[in-house]
Protein backbone atom coordinates (compact mmCIF):
# COMPACT_ATOMS: atom_id res chain seq x y z
CA UNK A 1 -0.21 0.22 0.22
CA UNK A 2 1.37 3.36 -1.06
CA UNK A 3 1.48 6.25 1.37
CA UNK A 4 -0.46 9.46 0.66
CA UNK A 5 1.79 12.56 0.06
CA UNK A 6 1.59 15.45 2.78
CA UNK A 7 2.75 18.33 0.37
CA UNK A 8 -0.68 19.87 -0.07
CA UNK A 9 -3.12 21.16 2.45
CA UNK A 10 -5.42 23.24 3.89
CA UNK A 11 -6.06 25.57 7.05
CA UNK A 12 -9.34 27.30 8.09
CA UNK A 13 -9.94 30.23 10.16
CA UNK A 14 -14.26 30.77 10.58
CA UNK A 15 -15.69 33.06 12.46
CA UNK A 16 -18.97 36.01 12.74
CA UNK A 17 -17.81 39.46 11.33
CA UNK A 18 -20.55 40.51 14.07
CA UNK A 19 -18.83 39.03 16.84
CA UNK A 20 -15.37 40.52 16.14
CA UNK A 21 -16.46 44.09 15.05
CA UNK A 22 -12.71 45.16 15.34
CA UNK A 23 -10.89 42.96 13.45
CA UNK A 24 -10.07 44.53 10.35
CA UNK A 25 -9.47 48.48 11.37
CA UNK A 26 -6.66 50.17 10.82
CA UNK A 27 -3.96 49.44 13.57
CA UNK A 28 -5.12 46.60 14.63
CA UNK A 29 -3.58 43.00 14.39
CA UNK A 30 -4.95 39.98 15.01
CA UNK A 31 -3.26 36.42 14.94
CA UNK A 32 -5.79 34.59 12.96
CA UNK A 33 -4.75 30.77 13.10
CA UNK A 34 -0.96 29.30 13.98
CA UNK A 35 -0.27 25.79 11.60
CA UNK A 36 2.52 24.09 10.38
CA UNK A 37 3.59 24.13 7.05
CA UNK A 38 6.22 22.02 5.83
CA UNK A 39 7.73 21.58 9.79
CA UNK A 40 7.79 25.59 10.36
CA UNK A 41 5.69 27.30 12.50
CA UNK A 42 3.23 29.46 10.66
CA UNK A 43 0.87 31.77 10.91
CA UNK A 44 -2.41 33.47 9.44
CA UNK A 45 -2.50 37.03 10.81
CA UNK A 46 -4.65 40.68 10.14
CA UNK A 47 -3.22 43.90 10.10
CA UNK A 48 -6.44 46.02 9.53
CA UNK A 49 -7.36 45.49 6.13
CA UNK A 50 -4.62 43.39 4.99
CA UNK A 51 -4.22 39.53 5.42
CA UNK A 52 -1.27 38.06 5.28
CA UNK A 53 0.59 34.21 5.74
CA UNK A 54 4.06 34.54 8.18
CA UNK A 55 6.44 31.65 7.78
CA UNK A 56 8.82 31.05 10.59
CA UNK A 57 6.40 32.80 13.06
CA UNK A 58 7.90 33.53 16.51
CA UNK A 59 11.26 33.17 15.35
CA UNK A 60 13.63 35.85 14.73
CA UNK A 61 13.62 34.94 10.71
CA UNK A 62 9.83 35.59 10.11
CA UNK A 63 8.75 35.82 6.12
CA UNK A 64 5.91 36.40 4.56
CA UNK A 65 4.94 34.16 2.02
CA UNK A 66 1.69 35.67 0.78
CA UNK A 67 -0.49 38.45 1.61
CA UNK A 68 -3.64 40.04 0.39
CA UNK A 69 -5.36 43.28 1.13
CA UNK A 70 -9.72 43.43 1.91
CA UNK A 71 -11.60 45.63 -0.94
CA UNK A 72 -13.28 48.38 0.65
CA UNK A 73 -16.51 47.32 2.55
CA UNK A 74 -15.89 43.87 2.90
CA UNK A 75 -14.15 44.21 6.13
CA UNK A 76 -18.01 43.77 7.92
CA UNK A 77 -19.00 41.06 5.84
CA UNK A 78 -15.95 38.69 5.39
CA UNK A 79 -16.57 35.58 7.63
CA UNK A 80 -13.96 32.89 6.89
CA UNK A 81 -10.41 32.20 5.66
CA UNK A 82 -9.24 28.93 4.07
CA UNK A 83 -5.59 28.46 3.01
CA UNK A 84 -4.40 25.91 0.58
CA UNK A 85 -1.63 24.83 -1.06
CA UNK A 86 -0.32 22.31 -3.11
CA UNK A 87 3.25 21.95 -3.51
CA UNK A 88 4.68 25.28 -3.34
CA UNK A 89 1.10 26.68 -4.97
CA UNK A 90 -0.55 29.09 -2.58
CA UNK A 91 -4.03 30.63 -2.65
CA UNK A 92 -6.18 32.53 -0.07
CA UNK A 93 -10.01 32.28 -0.09
CA UNK A 94 -12.28 34.64 1.19
CA UNK A 95 -16.36 33.85 2.26
CA UNK A 96 -18.32 36.55 2.84
CA UNK A 97 -21.96 37.02 3.96
CA UNK A 98 -23.92 38.44 0.93
CA UNK A 99 -26.51 40.95 1.09
CA UNK A 100 -29.98 41.22 -0.88
CA UNK A 101 -28.04 43.70 -3.36
CA UNK A 102 -25.50 41.25 -3.96
CA UNK A 103 -27.89 38.23 -4.18
CA UNK A 104 -30.13 40.76 -7.23
CA UNK A 105 -26.66 41.43 -8.49
CA UNK A 106 -26.08 37.73 -9.09
CA UNK A 107 -29.50 37.43 -10.59
CA UNK A 108 -29.39 40.39 -12.64
CA UNK A 109 -26.19 38.73 -13.85
CA UNK A 110 -27.11 35.29 -14.94
CA UNK A 111 -30.21 36.64 -16.45
CA UNK A 112 -28.09 39.14 -18.79
CA UNK A 113 -25.84 36.27 -19.04
CA UNK A 114 -28.54 33.42 -20.46
CA UNK A 115 -29.98 36.66 -22.66
CA UNK A 116 -26.79 37.08 -24.36
CA UNK A 117 -25.87 33.17 -25.11
CA UNK A 118 -29.70 33.13 -26.39
CA UNK A 119 -29.12 35.49 -28.55
CA UNK A 120 -25.76 34.35 -29.98
CA UNK A 121 -28.13 31.35 -30.61
CA UNK A 122 -30.81 33.11 -32.56
CA UNK A 123 -28.55 34.72 -35.23
């Protein structure tokens, strides 16, 4: 039987934005999650609206592996982060709470896309 290759993985941070109102405010820093990555201590942190993955966390030689800045308006609606890796490829996913306006925009976009496809097919 073969052993699984552990060069891939994921960590998730899930939270209620209403219970953490200062999380993405300017000058606020939080450790969102600590984890091991390829034998190194790492952390997913927030510094204001900047979300970063730090390797060598707590060591003298910390390094920022990747970072993203939340777009304006997303601070109050973000409810989770998922960091995924496969070999040396990394991705950071964000989930947000949708508003009624978001849902209506999605419906409108889908309808416009459907209508555009229909027009193309009728030519």
